[in-house]
């Protein structure tokens, strides 16, 4: 997986805002693009980073473990 700066920014913004919609607003994207990008990252990693609900996303243990490295 090429976890480039764009992917890191996307991941951290979703983590910080708690939703694809809020992250999309902050990044000037549409929510479906954010959701699809996270899904692509998850597919390449081979595990889920977020549990999805109707209104928000909840970080998985894997996402919380990845967070400190992403913030460097």
Protein backbone atom coordinates (compact mmCIF):
# COMPACT_ATOMS: atom_id res chain seq x y z
CA UNK A 1 0.00 0.00 0.00
CA UNK A 2 1.27 3.40 -0.92
CA UNK A 3 0.08 5.36 2.09
CA UNK A 4 0.89 8.72 0.52
CA UNK A 5 0.30 12.14 2.03
CA UNK A 6 -3.16 12.41 0.43
CA UNK A 7 -4.23 9.08 1.93
CA UNK A 8 -2.84 10.07 5.32
CA UNK A 9 -4.69 13.40 5.24
CA UNK A 10 -7.91 11.65 4.23
CA UNK A 11 -7.57 8.99 6.95
CA UNK A 12 -6.79 11.53 9.67
CA UNK A 13 -9.59 13.88 8.62
CA UNK A 14 -12.16 11.08 8.77
CA UNK A 15 -10.71 10.01 12.13
CA UNK A 16 -10.83 13.57 13.51
CA UNK A 17 -14.29 14.49 12.19
CA UNK A 18 -15.99 11.15 12.82
CA UNK A 19 -17.86 11.09 9.51
CA UNK A 20 -17.31 10.88 5.79
CA UNK A 21 -19.61 13.87 5.24
CA UNK A 22 -17.73 16.13 7.65
CA UNK A 23 -14.39 15.01 6.23
CA UNK A 24 -15.66 15.67 2.71
CA UNK A 25 -16.72 19.21 3.65
CA UNK A 26 -13.35 19.89 5.23
CA UNK A 27 -11.46 18.49 2.22
CA UNK A 28 -13.78 20.03 -0.40
CA UNK A 29 -14.84 16.64 -1.75
CA UNK A 30 -18.11 14.79 -2.05
CA UNK A 31 -18.86 12.20 0.67
CA UNK A 32 -18.99 9.33 -1.81
CA UNK A 33 -15.43 10.10 -2.94
CA UNK A 34 -14.19 10.06 0.65
CA UNK A 35 -16.03 6.82 1.37
CA UNK A 36 -14.67 5.19 -1.78
CA UNK A 37 -11.12 6.34 -1.05
CA UNK A 38 -11.26 4.91 2.48
CA UNK A 39 -12.71 1.66 1.10
CA UNK A 40 -9.81 1.46 -1.38
CA UNK A 41 -7.28 2.04 1.40
CA UNK A 42 -8.96 -0.66 3.50
CA UNK A 43 -8.94 -3.09 0.56
CA UNK A 44 -5.23 -2.55 0.01
CA UNK A 45 -4.45 -2.90 3.71
CA UNK A 46 -6.65 -5.98 4.03
CA UNK A 47 -8.59 -4.77 7.08
CA UNK A 48 -11.21 -2.21 8.05
CA UNK A 49 -10.20 1.12 9.52
CA UNK A 50 -13.73 2.24 10.36
CA UNK A 51 -17.03 0.68 11.37
CA UNK A 52 -19.78 2.45 9.47
CA UNK A 53 -23.12 3.58 10.88
CA UNK A 54 -25.75 5.78 9.26
CA UNK A 55 -24.49 8.99 10.84
CA UNK A 56 -20.85 8.42 11.76
CA UNK A 57 -17.83 6.18 11.50
CA UNK A 58 -16.14 4.54 14.45
CA UNK A 59 -12.40 3.83 14.27
CA UNK A 60 -11.39 0.20 14.62
CA UNK A 61 -8.49 -0.96 16.77
CA UNK A 62 -6.42 -1.08 13.57
CA UNK A 63 -7.17 2.59 12.86
CA UNK A 64 -6.24 3.59 16.39
CA UNK A 65 -2.98 1.64 16.09
CA UNK A 66 -2.19 3.34 12.77
CA UNK A 67 -3.02 6.84 14.01
CA UNK A 68 0.28 7.65 15.81
CA UNK A 69 2.32 6.67 12.74
CA UNK A 70 0.05 8.70 10.46
CA UNK A 71 0.41 11.82 12.61
CA UNK A 72 4.22 11.83 12.37
